[in-house]
Structures are given as C-alpha cells and as structure tokens.
Amino acid sequence: MFKISKYVIYDILRSKVLIAYTLFLLAVSFALFSLETDGAKSVVSLLSIVLIIVPLISVVFTTTYFYNAYEFIELLVAQPLSRNTILLGEFLGVAVSMTAAFLIGIGIPVLIYSPTATGGVLLLSGVVLTLSFVSIAFFSSVAMRDKAKGIGMSLLLWFYFAVIYDAIVLGILFSFSDYPLDKVVIALASLNPIDMARIMVLMKLDISALMGFTGAVYKQFFGSSFGLLYTMAIMLVWIILPLIVAVRIFKKKNL
C-alpha cells in the first residue's frame, strides 16, 4: 500500500494543477494578512476560502486524477495485490499530496502572521475538510465508470454541502421555529462536514453571539470538551465512511 501511495505522491507533486493550487492559496493568504492588521479578521476571511475553495479543489482534483490513473489502477489489479490495498494506497497518496498543498499554501502564512490557537483550529479544519472531500471524491469515482458522470457527481455533492444544504437547514429552522430545536440543530450540523468545520473555527473565535439562536446552541454544546470530541469524531466519520463504501464498491466492481 505504501509503495503505491509513494508512487502516487511522486506523480501528483509534478502536477501543474497542484502547484497552481498551492501558489494560489499562498498568494491569497499573504494578501489577506497584509490587508488586515488584526490576525483574527484575516482568519475569518481565510475561513471562507477554506470552506468553499478547499473542498471544491479537493473533490475535482481527486476525481480527475482517479480517472486519469484508471489504466494504472487496472494494471495494479492484474497484479497479486488486494483491491483494498490498491484503493487505500491511491487514497493515501492523494490525501497526503492535497494536505501538503493546503498546509504549505495556508499553513505558512498562518504560522507567520497568526500563530494562535485560532489559526491552529483553522488549519485543522482545512485538513479534515481536505481529507473528507478526497474521500467523497473516491466514492464518486468508484461509483461511476464514466468520467463525466463521476466529475458531475463530485461537483453535485460539493454544491449540495456548500450551498444547498444550508438553504434546507434554514427552511427547516424557519418552518419549525415554534418547536424546541436544540438537538435538531446539532444533528443537522453533523450531517455536513463543511458546517462542522465552520463551527470549529467560529467557536474558537468566540463570535457565537452574532449567530443568534443557533450560535447560542453551538456555544453551549460545541464549546464544551465533549462537544470538541464529538466534532472530531463526526469529522473522522466523514473521512472514513465514504472511503469504506468506496472500497466495498471497488472490491465488487468489474473493471
């Protein structure tokens, strides 16, 4: 598995797309920190990049790479290697490469301008989002044989989590505003990795009072030690669950 991931990492690191992604994050991060004297405000601005751009690039790049490496995967399947080892090796290689690009692009500016606990949480949320959407992209790629359908499915899932899901949640909260929704709000947030990453950073910034009712609920639950453990557990589920489903499909798939 590690030999496969080593080859994948070496192959991806030569990709102009990954280099451009890293340089883009570096440029935007340095620009935001240069424009703001307050590091906390720059972190809030970077949060938008982390929540939208990072998942989008992770899911598109991973899906495209999987289909471009399809012949190599078929060659590996013909070898005396288990399909679990092949897919996990591919995942590990892509995940390490994308995480490294994120940490270089945003991690270096954060360590220079905002080496605080808030900056650390921002980096942690970006890493788990990267891993989550790489995992989701592997699920889409394995589930769809056609490249266009696979990329379309990945983009649709990203659009759902980034845009549509929040609209659905707002509709539910508005429609049932007369009922106690404390637990419902927490459960709904858990169903979206982007929401969980957003909550992680906002709770560290201590601006929940500006978020109204949901902010008070988030502060009460996610601000506690148990809430932190719960958040990390849910994010791990978002990384592991799509990958497990992808592995099961890949084992039965006729290449």
Foldseek 3Di string as FASTA:
>chain_A
DQVLLVVLLVVVVPDPLLVVLLVVLQVLLVVLLVVDVDPLVSLVVVLVCLLAVLLLCLLLVLLVVCLVCVVVLVVVVPDPDALLVSLVSNLNNSLVSSLVSLCNSNVVSCVVRPVDPLSVLLSVLSSLSSLLSSLLSLLLNLVDVDSVSSSVVSVVVSCCLRPVLVVVVVVVCVVPVVDDCLVVLVVSCLVHSSSLSVLSNCLVVVPLVVVPPSSVSSCVQCVDPVNVVVSVVSSVCSNPVSNVSSSVSSNPDDD
